[in-house]
Amino acid sequence: MLGPLFPAVKATGRPPVDRRSVVEATAWRFRTGAPWRDLPERFGSWNTIYKNFDRWSTAGVWARVLEQVQAMAHQGGDVDWIASIDSTIVRVHQHGATLPRDTGGTVELQEVRR
């Protein structure tokens, strides 16, 4: 069902890379957080995989795949669209952590006693 979402294979040029291996390699890379260069050899050349990923990303293929997978999961009742996010889960960005903040007064409440 997802096959038609990917670009058609060109009739000329080099033989195409197996679409399934590109999808599986991309899933492996994002699941592990490893760099592209660390892809296992079973997926083929990391550079070829990355070029296909990048080309498909630019063409909007991955967005369409996500929409299709979400639609299929929603239709099957497998998606819970309610999300609860609070400050115990989400952290401030590293650049926002050092911003000055108004504490409500000019006197420091925690003085050092000697």
Protein backbone atom coordinates (compact mmCIF):
# COMPACT_ATOMS: atom_id res chain seq x y z
CA MET A 1 0.00 0.00 0.00
CA LEU A 2 2.95 2.36 0.50
CA GLY A 3 4.77 1.40 -2.70
CA PRO A 4 2.87 3.80 -4.98
CA LEU A 5 3.88 6.74 -2.74
CA PHE A 6 7.53 6.40 -3.76
CA PRO A 7 8.87 7.80 -7.05
CA ALA A 8 8.71 5.55 -10.10
CA VAL A 9 11.88 3.75 -11.12
CA LYS A 10 13.64 5.39 -14.07
CA ALA A 11 13.96 3.28 -17.20
CA THR A 12 17.48 4.51 -17.95
CA GLY A 13 20.68 4.80 -15.96
CA ARG A 14 21.94 2.66 -13.13
CA PRO A 15 19.78 -0.06 -11.66
CA PRO A 16 17.75 1.34 -8.77
CA VAL A 17 18.35 0.50 -5.14
CA ASP A 18 15.69 -1.71 -3.57
CA ARG A 19 13.10 0.68 -2.11
CA ARG A 20 12.48 -1.60 0.88
CA SER A 21 16.16 -1.53 1.87
CA VAL A 22 16.19 2.28 1.75
CA VAL A 23 13.10 2.46 3.97
CA GLU A 24 14.48 -0.12 6.40
CA ALA A 25 17.89 1.59 6.52
CA THR A 26 16.25 4.96 7.16
CA ALA A 27 14.12 3.47 9.95
CA TRP A 28 17.23 1.85 11.46
CA ARG A 29 19.17 5.11 11.30
CA PHE A 30 16.47 7.17 13.05
CA ARG A 31 15.66 4.43 15.58
CA THR A 32 19.31 4.14 16.68
CA GLY A 33 20.33 7.77 16.22
CA ALA A 34 23.52 6.61 14.48
CA PRO A 35 25.20 8.69 11.78
CA TRP A 36 24.53 7.76 8.17
CA ARG A 37 28.10 6.48 7.80
CA ASP A 38 27.46 3.87 10.49
CA LEU A 39 24.71 2.07 8.59
CA PRO A 40 25.29 -1.70 8.61
CA GLU A 41 26.63 -3.14 5.36
CA ARG A 42 23.49 -5.24 4.86
CA PHE A 43 21.69 -2.05 3.75
CA GLY A 44 24.26 -1.24 1.06
CA SER A 45 26.22 1.96 0.59
CA TRP A 46 25.35 4.54 3.23
CA ASN A 47 25.83 7.32 0.69
CA THR A 48 23.31 5.80 -1.72
CA ILE A 49 20.81 5.34 1.10
CA TYR A 50 21.32 8.93 2.26
CA LYS A 51 20.96 10.34 -1.27
CA ASN A 52 17.67 8.48 -1.74
CA PHE A 53 16.45 9.64 1.69
CA ASP A 54 17.38 13.25 0.93
CA ARG A 55 15.85 13.20 -2.55
CA TRP A 56 12.61 11.71 -1.25
CA SER A 57 12.54 14.14 1.65
CA THR A 58 12.86 17.11 -0.69
CA ALA A 59 10.09 15.71 -2.91
CA GLY A 60 7.74 15.30 0.09
CA VAL A 61 7.64 11.51 -0.14
CA TRP A 62 8.24 10.95 3.58
CA ALA A 63 5.43 13.37 4.50
CA ARG A 64 3.03 11.45 2.26
CA VAL A 65 4.18 8.13 3.74
CA LEU A 66 3.57 9.48 7.26
CA GLU A 67 0.09 10.71 6.31
CA GLN A 68 -0.78 7.34 4.76
CA VAL A 69 0.49 5.34 7.74
CA GLN A 70 -1.38 7.60 10.16
CA ALA A 71 -4.57 7.30 8.09
CA MET A 72 -4.28 3.51 8.01
CA ALA A 73 -3.65 3.36 11.77
CA HIS A 74 -6.53 5.76 12.47
CA GLN A 75 -8.86 3.73 10.30
CA GLY A 76 -7.89 0.59 12.22
CA GLY A 77 -8.44 2.34 15.56
CA ASP A 78 -4.77 2.00 16.50
CA VAL A 79 -4.08 5.71 17.11
CA ASP A 80 -4.82 7.69 20.23
CA TRP A 81 -4.63 11.33 19.16
CA ILE A 82 -4.65 12.69 22.74
CA ALA A 83 -1.25 13.80 23.98
CA SER A 84 -0.37 15.05 27.43
CA ILE A 85 2.86 16.99 27.68
CA ASP A 86 4.09 18.79 30.78
CA SER A 87 7.33 20.22 32.14
CA THR A 88 8.41 16.90 33.65
CA ILE A 89 8.76 15.55 30.10
CA VAL A 90 9.73 18.60 28.04
CA ARG A 91 12.92 20.44 28.86
CA VAL A 92 13.85 23.98 27.91
CA HIS A 93 16.27 24.42 25.03
CA GLN A 94 19.87 24.89 26.11
CA HIS A 95 19.87 28.52 24.96
CA GLY A 96 16.69 29.30 26.89
CA ALA A 97 17.99 27.94 30.20
CA THR A 98 20.22 30.93 30.93
CA LEU A 99 17.80 33.72 30.06
CA PRO A 100 17.11 36.23 32.83
CA ARG A 101 13.79 35.74 34.56
CA ASP A 102 11.70 37.92 36.83
CA THR A 103 11.56 36.35 40.29
CA GLY A 104 9.22 38.99 41.67
CA GLY A 105 11.70 40.94 43.78
CA THR A 106 15.10 42.53 43.86
CA VAL A 107 16.31 40.98 47.14
CA GLU A 108 17.88 37.55 47.09
CA LEU A 109 15.98 35.39 49.57
CA GLN A 110 18.77 32.90 50.14
CA GLU A 111 21.58 34.79 51.85
CA VAL A 112 24.74 33.10 53.04
CA ARG A 113 25.08 33.20 56.86
CA ARG A 114 28.54 33.29 58.40
